[in-house]
Amino acid sequence: MFYKSIEEYNIQLKCQYSVSKLKRLKANRRERARMHALNNALEQLRIILPHSSCESIKLSKIETLRRARDYIISLIDLLNKSPHSNQPINHNSIIEQESR
């Protein structure tokens, strides 16, 4: 592309910079919103997970997910031990589906 003057070239550069900067700002905003939603979901999960009374520190993300998995498995085991349970639930199949 040929420019008539150095000013025209500078204006074009500013426009390109503004467009790329705007795209980056929008991407940053989307990422902040995504992380905010993820952190809110993890906080809700922390609230409903059973915990010991001596725990006062906030669980990490990975520890929250591990405890949720363990809690689900313990609930499945409890259901399987119930005399009213018709079909046993296999928690190994749930874990296999999770790893896909």
PDB file of N, CA and C in Angstrom:
ATOM      1  N   MET A   1       0.845  -1.172   0.000  1.00  0.00           N
ATOM      2  CA  MET A   1       0.000   0.000   0.000  1.00  0.00           C
ATOM      3  C   MET A   1       0.896   1.242   0.000  1.00  0.00           C
ATOM      4  N   PHE A   2       0.538   2.197  -0.825  1.00  0.00           N
ATOM      5  CA  PHE A   2       1.318   3.431  -0.918  1.00  0.00           C
ATOM      6  C   PHE A   2       0.567   4.558  -0.221  1.00  0.00           C
ATOM      7  N   TYR A   3       1.291   5.372   0.478  1.00  0.00           N
ATOM      8  CA  TYR A   3       0.702   6.496   1.201  1.00  0.00           C
ATOM      9  C   TYR A   3       1.124   7.799   0.550  1.00  0.00           C
ATOM     10  N   LYS A   4       0.214   8.760   0.539  1.00  0.00           N
ATOM     11  CA  LYS A   4       0.494  10.068  -0.061  1.00  0.00           C
ATOM     12  C   LYS A   4       1.427  10.895   0.814  1.00  0.00           C
ATOM     13  N   SER A   5       1.349  10.664   2.106  1.00  0.00           N
ATOM     14  CA  SER A   5       2.188  11.455   3.006  1.00  0.00           C
ATOM     15  C   SER A   5       2.527  10.635   4.247  1.00  0.00           C
ATOM     16  N   ILE A   6       3.472  11.121   4.982  1.00  0.00           N
ATOM     17  CA  ILE A   6       3.854  10.466   6.231  1.00  0.00           C
ATOM     18  C   ILE A   6       2.716  10.558   7.247  1.00  0.00           C
ATOM     19  N   GLU A   7       1.930  11.645   7.181  1.00  0.00           N
ATOM     20  CA  GLU A   7       0.789  11.783   8.098  1.00  0.00           C
ATOM     21  C   GLU A   7      -0.248  10.688   7.844  1.00  0.00           C
ATOM     22  N   GLU A   8      -0.507  10.413   6.569  1.00  0.00           N
ATOM     23  CA  GLU A   8      -1.458   9.356   6.224  1.00  0.00           C
ATOM     24  C   GLU A   8      -0.960   8.005   6.741  1.00  0.00           C
ATOM     25  N   TYR A   9       0.320   7.774   6.607  1.00  0.00           N
ATOM     26  CA  TYR A   9       0.930   6.539   7.117  1.00  0.00           C
ATOM     27  C   TYR A   9       0.777   6.458   8.639  1.00  0.00           C
ATOM     28  N   ASN A  10       1.046   7.552   9.337  1.00  0.00           N
ATOM     29  CA  ASN A  10       0.920   7.573  10.797  1.00  0.00           C
ATOM     30  C   ASN A  10      -0.522   7.342  11.248  1.00  0.00           C
ATOM     31  N   ILE A  11      -1.477   7.932  10.519  1.00  0.00           N
ATOM     32  CA  ILE A  11      -2.893   7.725  10.845  1.00  0.00           C
ATOM     33  C   ILE A  11      -3.255   6.256  10.672  1.00  0.00           C
ATOM     34  N   GLN A  12      -2.781   5.647   9.594  1.00  0.00           N
ATOM     35  CA  GLN A  12      -3.046   4.223   9.349  1.00  0.00           C
ATOM     36  C   GLN A  12      -2.456   3.362  10.462  1.00  0.00           C
ATOM     37  N   LEU A  13      -1.242   3.684  10.890  1.00  0.00           N
ATOM     38  CA  LEU A  13      -0.616   2.933  11.980  1.00  0.00           C
ATOM     39  C   LEU A  13      -1.414   3.054  13.269  1.00  0.00           C
ATOM     40  N   LYS A  14      -1.883   4.261  13.568  1.00  0.00           N
ATOM     41  CA  LYS A  14      -2.679   4.482  14.780  1.00  0.00           C
ATOM     42  C   LYS A  14      -3.975   3.684  14.728  1.00  0.00           C
ATOM     43  N   CYS A  15      -4.612   3.649  13.557  1.00  0.00           N
ATOM     44  CA  CYS A  15      -5.857   2.886  13.405  1.00  0.00           C
ATOM     45  C   CYS A  15      -5.604   1.400  13.624  1.00  0.00           C
ATOM     46  N   GLN A  16      -4.533   0.879  13.025  1.00  0.00           N
ATOM     47  CA  GLN A  16      -4.204  -0.537  13.202  1.00  0.00           C
ATOM     48  C   GLN A  16      -3.907  -0.834  14.662  1.00  0.00           C
ATOM     49  N   TYR A  17      -3.171   0.065  15.314  1.00  0.00           N
ATOM     50  CA  TYR A  17      -2.850  -0.124  16.726  1.00  0.00           C
ATOM     51  C   TYR A  17      -4.124  -0.090  17.554  1.00  0.00           C
ATOM     52  N   SER A  18      -5.007   0.845  17.236  1.00  0.00           N
ATOM     53  CA  SER A  18      -6.251   0.966  17.988  1.00  0.00           C
ATOM     54  C   SER A  18      -7.113  -0.280  17.833  1.00  0.00           C
ATOM     55  N   VAL A  19      -7.168  -0.825  16.620  1.00  0.00           N
ATOM     56  CA  VAL A  19      -7.964  -2.032  16.381  1.00  0.00           C
ATOM     57  C   VAL A  19      -7.387  -3.205  17.161  1.00  0.00           C
ATOM     58  N   SER A  20      -6.077  -3.406  17.099  1.00  0.00           N
ATOM     59  CA  SER A  20      -5.481  -4.536  17.816  1.00  0.00           C
ATOM     60  C   SER A  20      -5.581  -4.333  19.327  1.00  0.00           C
ATOM     61  N   LYS A  21      -5.426  -3.093  19.776  1.00  0.00           N
ATOM     62  CA  LYS A  21      -5.560  -2.818  21.209  1.00  0.00           C
ATOM     63  C   LYS A  21      -7.002  -3.058  21.658  1.00  0.00           C
ATOM     64  N   LEU A  22      -7.959  -2.646  20.848  1.00  0.00           N
ATOM     65  CA  LEU A  22      -9.366  -2.857  21.163  1.00  0.00           C
ATOM     66  C   LEU A  22      -9.689  -4.348  21.224  1.00  0.00           C
ATOM     67  N   LYS A  23      -9.167  -5.116  20.275  1.00  0.00           N
ATOM     68  CA  LYS A  23      -9.380  -6.567  20.290  1.00  0.00           C
ATOM     69  C   LYS A  23      -8.809  -7.184  21.561  1.00  0.00           C
ATOM     70  N   ARG A  24      -7.630  -6.743  21.951  1.00  0.00           N
ATOM     71  CA  ARG A  24      -6.993  -7.265  23.163  1.00  0.00           C
ATOM     72  C   ARG A  24      -7.808  -6.900  24.398  1.00  0.00           C
ATOM     73  N   LEU A  25      -8.305  -5.660  24.452  1.00  0.00           N
ATOM     74  CA  LEU A  25      -9.125  -5.235  25.589  1.00  0.00           C
ATOM     75  C   LEU A  25     -10.406  -6.062  25.683  1.00  0.00           C
ATOM     76  N   LYS A  26     -11.027  -6.332  24.525  1.00  0.00           N
ATOM     77  CA  LYS A  26     -12.241  -7.156  24.511  1.00  0.00           C
ATOM     78  C   LYS A  26     -11.930  -8.584  24.947  1.00  0.00           C
ATOM     79  N   ALA A  27     -10.821  -9.126  24.474  1.00  0.00           N
ATOM     80  CA  ALA A  27     -10.423 -10.484  24.866  1.00  0.00           C
ATOM     81  C   ALA A  27     -10.133 -10.535  26.364  1.00  0.00           C
ATOM     82  N   ASN A  28      -9.475  -9.517  26.885  1.00  0.00           N
ATOM     83  CA  ASN A  28      -9.200  -9.466  28.327  1.00  0.00           C
ATOM     84  C   ASN A  28     -10.494  -9.411  29.129  1.00  0.00           C
ATOM     85  N   ARG A  29     -11.459  -8.633  28.650  1.00  0.00           N
ATOM     86  CA  ARG A  29     -12.746  -8.529  29.334  1.00  0.00           C
ATOM     87  C   ARG A  29     -13.466  -9.879  29.336  1.00  0.00           C
ATOM     88  N   ARG A  30     -13.445 -10.569  28.190  1.00  0.00           N
ATOM     89  CA  ARG A  30     -14.083 -11.894  28.120  1.00  0.00           C
ATOM     90  C   ARG A  30     -13.403 -12.876  29.068  1.00  0.00           C
ATOM     91  N   GLU A  31     -12.082 -12.836  29.120  1.00  0.00           N
ATOM     92  CA  GLU A  31     -11.338 -13.747  29.994  1.00  0.00           C
ATOM     93  C   GLU A  31     -11.625 -13.450  31.462  1.00  0.00           C
ATOM     94  N   ARG A  32     -11.701 -12.170  31.822  1.00  0.00           N
ATOM     95  CA  ARG A  32     -12.036 -11.816  33.208  1.00  0.00           C
ATOM     96  C   ARG A  32     -13.431 -12.311  33.567  1.00  0.00           C
ATOM     97  N   ALA A  33     -14.378 -12.170  32.648  1.00  0.00           N
ATOM     98  CA  ALA A  33     -15.745 -12.639  32.889  1.00  0.00           C
ATOM     99  C   ALA A  33     -15.770 -14.162  33.029  1.00  0.00           C
ATOM    100  N   ARG A  34     -15.010 -14.840  32.183  1.00  0.00           N
ATOM    101  CA  ARG A  34     -14.947 -16.305  32.259  1.00  0.00           C
ATOM    102  C   ARG A  34     -14.369 -16.757  33.595  1.00  0.00           C
ATOM    103  N   MET A  35     -13.280 -16.132  34.007  1.00  0.00           N
ATOM    104  CA  MET A  35     -12.652 -16.498  35.280  1.00  0.00           C
ATOM    105  C   MET A  35     -13.554 -16.152  36.461  1.00  0.00           C
ATOM    106  N   HIS A  36     -14.276 -15.045  36.364  1.00  0.00           N
ATOM    107  CA  HIS A  36     -15.204 -14.663  37.428  1.00  0.00           C
ATOM    108  C   HIS A  36     -16.309 -15.716  37.562  1.00  0.00           C
ATOM    109  N   ALA A  37     -16.850 -16.161  36.424  1.00  0.00           N
ATOM    110  CA  ALA A  37     -17.895 -17.187  36.440  1.00  0.00           C
ATOM    111  C   ALA A  37     -17.356 -18.505  37.003  1.00  0.00           C
ATOM    112  N   LEU A  38     -16.149 -18.878  36.607  1.00  0.00           N
ATOM    113  CA  LEU A  38     -15.532 -20.103  37.116  1.00  0.00           C
ATOM    114  C   LEU A  38     -15.318 -20.019  38.621  1.00  0.00           C
ATOM    115  N   ASN A  39     -14.784 -18.901  39.087  1.00  0.00           N
ATOM    116  CA  ASN A  39     -14.546 -18.736  40.520  1.00  0.00           C
ATOM    117  C   ASN A  39     -15.848 -18.726  41.314  1.00  0.00           C
ATOM    118  N   ASN A  40     -16.904 -18.127  40.763  1.00  0.00           N
ATOM    119  CA  ASN A  40     -18.208 -18.158  41.433  1.00  0.00           C
ATOM    120  C   ASN A  40     -18.739 -19.582  41.533  1.00  0.00           C
ATOM    121  N   ALA A  41     -18.602 -20.346  40.454  1.00  0.00           N
ATOM    122  CA  ALA A  41     -19.067 -21.735  40.463  1.00  0.00           C
ATOM    123  C   ALA A  41     -18.287 -22.562  41.480  1.00  0.00           C
ATOM    124  N   LEU A  42     -16.983 -22.364  41.546  1.00  0.00           N
ATOM    125  CA  LEU A  42     -16.170 -23.095  42.523  1.00  0.00           C
ATOM    126  C   LEU A  42     -16.534 -22.696  43.951  1.00  0.00           C
ATOM    127  N   GLU A  43     -16.833 -21.429  44.167  1.00  0.00           N
ATOM    128  CA  GLU A  43     -17.229 -20.978  45.505  1.00  0.00           C
ATOM    129  C   GLU A  43     -18.560 -21.613  45.908  1.00  0.00           C
ATOM    130  N   GLN A  44     -19.501 -21.694  44.967  1.00  0.00           N
ATOM    131  CA  GLN A  44     -20.771 -22.362  45.258  1.00  0.00           C
ATOM    132  C   GLN A  44     -20.546 -23.835  45.583  1.00  0.00           C
ATOM    133  N   LEU A  45     -19.640 -24.472  44.881  1.00  0.00           N
ATOM    134  CA  LEU A  45     -19.306 -25.868  45.146  1.00  0.00           C
ATOM    135  C   LEU A  45     -18.686 -26.016  46.532  1.00  0.00           C
ATOM    136  N   ARG A  46     -17.792 -25.103  46.900  1.00  0.00           N
ATOM    137  CA  ARG A  46     -17.174 -25.149  48.233  1.00  0.00           C
ATOM    138  C   ARG A  46     -18.228 -25.040  49.328  1.00  0.00           C
ATOM    139  N   ILE A  47     -19.251 -24.230  49.085  1.00  0.00           N
ATOM    140  CA  ILE A  47     -20.296 -24.017  50.089  1.00  0.00           C
ATOM    141  C   ILE A  47     -21.087 -25.296  50.335  1.00  0.00           C
ATOM    142  N   ILE A  48     -21.399 -26.041  49.279  1.00  0.00           N
ATOM    143  CA  ILE A  48     -22.250 -27.220  49.459  1.00  0.00           C
ATOM    144  C   ILE A  48     -21.483 -28.480  49.821  1.00  0.00           C
ATOM    145  N   LEU A  49     -20.167 -28.479  49.646  1.00  0.00           N
ATOM    146  CA  LEU A  49     -19.385 -29.662  50.018  1.00  0.00           C
ATOM    147  C   LEU A  49     -19.295 -29.774  51.535  1.00  0.00           C
ATOM    148  N   PRO A  50     -19.441 -30.990  52.053  1.00  0.00           N
ATOM    149  CA  PRO A  50     -19.240 -31.141  53.497  1.00  0.00           C
ATOM    150  C   PRO A  50     -17.777 -30.874  53.838  1.00  0.00           C
ATOM    151  N   HIS A  51     -17.561 -30.296  54.984  1.00  0.00           N
ATOM    152  CA  HIS A  51     -16.192 -29.999  55.403  1.00  0.00           C
ATOM    153  C   HIS A  51     -16.080 -30.195  56.909  1.00  0.00           C
ATOM    154  N   SER A  52     -14.867 -30.388  57.347  1.00  0.00           N
ATOM    155  CA  SER A  52     -14.661 -30.550  58.782  1.00  0.00           C
ATOM    156  C   SER A  52     -14.722 -29.187  59.453  1.00  0.00           C
ATOM    157  N   SER A  53     -15.083 -29.183  60.707  1.00  0.00           N
ATOM    158  CA  SER A  53     -15.264 -27.927  61.432  1.00  0.00           C
ATOM    159  C   SER A  53     -13.950 -27.195  61.666  1.00  0.00           C
ATOM    160  N   CYS A  54     -12.822 -27.905  61.565  1.00  0.00           N
ATOM    161  CA  CYS A  54     -11.533 -27.258  61.817  1.00  0.00           C
ATOM    162  C   CYS A  54     -10.967 -26.570  60.578  1.00  0.00           C
ATOM    163  N   GLU A  55     -11.632 -26.711  59.435  1.00  0.00           N
ATOM    164  CA  GLU A  55     -11.135 -26.084  58.208  1.00  0.00           C
ATOM    165  C   GLU A  55     -11.534 -24.617  58.167  1.00  0.00           C
ATOM    166  N   SER A  56     -10.554 -23.769  58.119  1.00  0.00           N
ATOM    167  CA  SER A  56     -10.848 -22.342  57.989  1.00  0.00           C
ATOM    168  C   SER A  56     -10.180 -21.749  56.755  1.00  0.00           C
ATOM    169  N   ILE A  57      -9.323 -22.547  56.098  1.00  0.00           N
ATOM    170  CA  ILE A  57      -8.655 -22.034  54.904  1.00  0.00           C
ATOM    171  C   ILE A  57      -9.476 -22.378  53.665  1.00  0.00           C
ATOM    172  N   LYS A  58      -9.392 -21.514  52.684  1.00  0.00           N
ATOM    173  CA  LYS A  58     -10.108 -21.727  51.432  1.00  0.00           C
ATOM    174  C   LYS A  58      -9.416 -22.832  50.644  1.00  0.00           C
ATOM    175  N   LEU A  59     -10.217 -23.771  50.136  1.00  0.00           N
ATOM    176  CA  LEU A  59      -9.668 -24.862  49.331  1.00  0.00           C
ATOM    177  C   LEU A  59      -9.221 -24.330  47.970  1.00  0.00           C
ATOM    178  N   SER A  60      -8.157 -24.922  47.442  1.00  0.00           N
ATOM    179  CA  SER A  60      -7.724 -24.564  46.090  1.00  0.00           C
ATOM    180  C   SER A  60      -8.745 -25.100  45.089  1.00  0.00           C
ATOM    181  N   LYS A  61      -8.628 -24.663  43.860  1.00  0.00           N
ATOM    182  CA  LYS A  61      -9.550 -25.120  42.824  1.00  0.00           C
ATOM    183  C   LYS A  61      -9.469 -26.631  42.655  1.00  0.00           C
ATOM    184  N   ILE A  62      -8.256 -27.148  42.554  1.00  0.00           N
ATOM    185  CA  ILE A  62      -8.092 -28.583  42.335  1.00  0.00           C
ATOM    186  C   ILE A  62      -8.569 -29.380  43.538  1.00  0.00           C
ATOM    187  N   GLU A  63      -8.310 -28.884  44.744  1.00  0.00           N
ATOM    188  CA  GLU A  63      -8.756 -29.589  45.950  1.00  0.00           C
ATOM    189  C   GLU A  63     -10.281 -29.567  46.047  1.00  0.00           C
ATOM    190  N   THR A  64     -10.900 -28.480  45.641  1.00  0.00           N
ATOM    191  CA  THR A  64     -12.362 -28.404  45.623  1.00  0.00           C
ATOM    192  C   THR A  64     -12.928 -29.457  44.678  1.00  0.00           C
ATOM    193  N   LEU A  65     -12.348 -29.572  43.489  1.00  0.00           N
ATOM    194  CA  LEU A  65     -12.831 -30.554  42.514  1.00  0.00           C
ATOM    195  C   LEU A  65     -12.588 -31.979  42.992  1.00  0.00           C
ATOM    196  N   ARG A  66     -11.444 -32.226  43.613  1.00  0.00           N
ATOM    197  CA  ARG A  66     -11.164 -33.566  44.136  1.00  0.00           C
ATOM    198  C   ARG A  66     -12.146 -33.938  45.237  1.00  0.00           C
ATOM    199  N   ARG A  67     -12.432 -33.001  46.125  1.00  0.00           N
ATOM    200  CA  ARG A  67     -13.383 -33.295  47.206  1.00  0.00           C
ATOM    201  C   ARG A  67     -14.789 -33.494  46.664  1.00  0.00           C
ATOM    202  N   ALA A  68     -15.152 -32.751  45.637  1.00  0.00           N
ATOM    203  CA  ALA A  68     -16.464 -32.942  45.017  1.00  0.00           C
ATOM    204  C   ALA A  68     -16.562 -34.337  44.408  1.00  0.00           C
ATOM    205  N   ARG A  69     -15.506 -34.758  43.714  1.00  0.00           N
ATOM    206  CA  ARG A  69     -15.477 -36.108  43.137  1.00  0.00           C
ATOM    207  C   ARG A  69     -15.604 -37.157  44.233  1.00  0.00           C
ATOM    208  N   ASP A  70     -14.829 -37.010  45.300  1.00  0.00           N
ATOM    209  CA  ASP A  70     -14.871 -37.976  46.401  1.00  0.00           C
ATOM    210  C   ASP A  70     -16.244 -37.999  47.069  1.00  0.00           C
ATOM    211  N   TYR A  71     -16.851 -36.832  47.199  1.00  0.00           N
ATOM    212  CA  TYR A  71     -18.173 -36.750  47.818  1.00  0.00           C
ATOM    213  C   TYR A  71     -19.215 -37.453  46.950  1.00  0.00           C
ATOM    214  N   ILE A  72     -19.144 -37.254  45.648  1.00  0.00           N
ATOM    215  CA  ILE A  72     -20.073 -37.922  44.730  1.00  0.00           C
ATOM    216  C   ILE A  72     -19.903 -39.436  44.822  1.00  0.00           C
ATOM    217  N   ILE A  73     -18.664 -39.893  44.863  1.00  0.00           N
ATOM    218  CA  ILE A  73     -18.403 -41.334  44.978  1.00  0.00           C
ATOM    219  C   ILE A  73     -18.958 -41.870  46.293  1.00  0.00           C
ATOM    220  N   SER A  74     -18.786 -41.129  47.376  1.00  0.00           N
ATOM    221  CA  SER A  74     -19.307 -41.600  48.667  1.00  0.00           C
ATOM    222  C   SER A  74     -20.832 -41.631  48.659  1.00  0.00           C
ATOM    223  N   LEU A  75     -21.469 -40.681  47.980  1.00  0.00           N
ATOM    224  CA  LEU A  75     -22.931 -40.700  47.873  1.00  0.00           C
ATOM    225  C   LEU A  75     -23.404 -41.894  47.043  1.00  0.00           C
ATOM    226  N   ILE A  76     -22.683 -42.210  45.984  1.00  0.00           N
ATOM    227  CA  ILE A  76     -23.017 -43.381  45.168  1.00  0.00           C
ATOM    228  C   ILE A  76     -22.894 -44.649  45.999  1.00  0.00           C
ATOM    229  N   ASP A  77     -21.807 -44.756  46.751  1.00  0.00           N
ATOM    230  CA  ASP A  77     -21.624 -45.926  47.610  1.00  0.00           C
ATOM    231  C   ASP A  77     -22.747 -46.031  48.637  1.00  0.00           C
ATOM    232  N   LEU A  78     -23.150 -44.914  49.191  1.00  0.00           N
ATOM    233  CA  LEU A  78     -24.240 -44.900  50.165  1.00  0.00           C
ATOM    234  C   LEU A  78     -25.545 -45.360  49.521  1.00  0.00           C
ATOM    235  N   LEU A  79     -25.802 -44.890  48.314  1.00  0.00           N
ATOM    236  CA  LEU A  79     -27.002 -45.323  47.594  1.00  0.00           C
ATOM    237  C   LEU A  79     -26.964 -46.817  47.299  1.00  0.00           C
ATOM    238  N   ASN A  80     -25.806 -47.318  46.922  1.00  0.00           N
ATOM    239  CA  ASN A  80     -25.679 -48.742  46.611  1.00  0.00           C
ATOM    240  C   ASN A  80     -25.901 -49.609  47.840  1.00  0.00           C
ATOM    241  N   LYS A  81     -25.589 -49.099  49.016  1.00  0.00           N
ATOM    242  CA  LYS A  81     -25.781 -49.859  50.255  1.00  0.00           C
ATOM    243  C   LYS A  81     -27.212 -49.773  50.769  1.00  0.00           C
ATOM    244  N   SER A  82     -27.991 -48.881  50.195  1.00  0.00           N
ATOM    245  CA  SER A  82     -29.368 -48.691  50.635  1.00  0.00           C
ATOM    246  C   SER A  82     -30.198 -49.924  50.296  1.00  0.00           C
ATOM    247  N   PRO A  83     -31.060 -50.361  51.221  1.00  0.00           N
ATOM    248  CA  PRO A  83     -31.912 -51.523  50.928  1.00  0.00           C
ATOM    249  C   PRO A  83     -32.947 -51.231  49.840  1.00  0.00           C
ATOM    250  N   HIS A  84     -33.195 -49.967  49.555  1.00  0.00           N
ATOM    251  CA  HIS A  84     -34.183 -49.595  48.545  1.00  0.00           C
ATOM    252  C   HIS A  84     -33.566 -49.425  47.161  1.00  0.00           C
ATOM    253  N   SER A  85     -32.275 -49.658  47.050  1.00  0.00           N
ATOM    254  CA  SER A  85     -31.596 -49.485  45.773  1.00  0.00           C
ATOM    255  C   SER A  85     -31.905 -50.659  44.855  1.00  0.00           C
ATOM    256  N   ASN A  86     -32.466 -50.377  43.672  1.00  0.00           N
ATOM    257  CA  ASN A  86     -32.810 -51.423  42.710  1.00  0.00           C
ATOM    258  C   ASN A  86     -31.610 -51.834  41.874  1.00  0.00           C
ATOM    259  N   GLN A  87     -30.908 -50.865  41.344  1.00  0.00           N
ATOM    260  CA  GLN A  87     -29.750 -51.143  40.504  1.00  0.00           C
ATOM    261  C   GLN A  87     -28.535 -50.453  41.097  1.00  0.00           C
ATOM    262  N   PRO A  88     -27.465 -51.199  41.273  1.00  0.00           N
ATOM    263  CA  PRO A  88     -26.255 -50.547  41.783  1.00  0.00           C
ATOM    264  C   PRO A  88     -25.685 -49.579  40.750  1.00  0.00           C
ATOM    265  N   ILE A  89     -25.131 -48.505  41.246  1.00  0.00           N
ATOM    266  CA  ILE A  89     -24.495 -47.503  40.393  1.00  0.00           C
ATOM    267  C   ILE A  89     -23.000 -47.739  40.445  1.00  0.00           C
ATOM    268  N   ASN A  90     -22.385 -47.811  39.276  1.00  0.00           N
ATOM    269  CA  ASN A  90     -20.951 -48.053  39.205  1.00  0.00           C
ATOM    270  C   ASN A  90     -20.225 -46.719  39.087  1.00  0.00           C
ATOM    271  N   HIS A  91     -19.550 -46.309  40.157  1.00  0.00           N
ATOM    272  CA  HIS A  91     -18.859 -45.017  40.107  1.00  0.00           C
ATOM    273  C   HIS A  91     -17.620 -45.060  39.234  1.00  0.00           C
ATOM    274  N   ASN A  92     -17.097 -46.239  38.917  1.00  0.00           N
ATOM    275  CA  ASN A  92     -15.950 -46.320  38.003  1.00  0.00           C
ATOM    276  C   ASN A  92     -16.332 -45.847  36.606  1.00  0.00           C
ATOM    277  N   SER A  93     -17.557 -46.161  36.176  1.00  0.00           N
ATOM    278  CA  SER A  93     -17.992 -45.701  34.854  1.00  0.00           C
ATOM    279  C   SER A  93     -18.140 -44.188  34.834  1.00  0.00           C
ATOM    280  N   ILE A  94     -18.519 -43.603  35.952  1.00  0.00           N
ATOM    281  CA  ILE A  94     -18.621 -42.145  36.033  1.00  0.00           C
ATOM    282  C   ILE A  94     -17.239 -41.521  35.919  1.00  0.00           C
ATOM    283  N   ILE A  95     -16.261 -42.099  36.598  1.00  0.00           N
ATOM    284  CA  ILE A  95     -14.893 -41.580  36.551  1.00  0.00           C
ATOM    285  C   ILE A  95     -14.311 -41.740  35.156  1.00  0.00           C
ATOM    286  N   GLU A  96     -14.614 -42.868  34.480  1.00  0.00           N
ATOM    287  CA  GLU A  96     -14.117 -43.071  33.120  1.00  0.00           C
ATOM    288  C   GLU A  96     -14.700 -42.029  32.176  1.00  0.00           C
ATOM    289  N   GLN A  97     -15.989 -41.719  32.327  1.00  0.00           N
ATOM    290  CA  GLN A  97     -16.614 -40.697  31.496  1.00  0.00           C
ATOM    291  C   GLN A  97     -15.980 -39.340  31.761  1.00  0.00           C
ATOM    292  N   GLU A  98     -15.629 -39.090  33.006  1.00  0.00           N
ATOM    293  CA  GLU A  98     -15.023 -37.814  33.398  1.00  0.00           C
ATOM    294  C   GLU A  98     -13.674 -37.611  32.729  1.00  0.00           C
ATOM    295  N   SER A  99     -12.918 -38.676  32.552  1.00  0.00           N
ATOM    296  CA  SER A  99     -11.562 -38.547  32.019  1.00  0.00           C
ATOM    297  C   SER A  99     -11.529 -38.421  30.499  1.00  0.00           C
ATOM    298  N   ARG A 100     -12.660 -38.562  29.842  1.00  0.00           N
ATOM    299  CA  ARG A 100     -12.702 -38.451  28.372  1.00  0.00           C
ATOM    300  C   ARG A 100     -12.605 -37.038  27.911  1.00  0.00           C
TER     301      ARG A 100
END
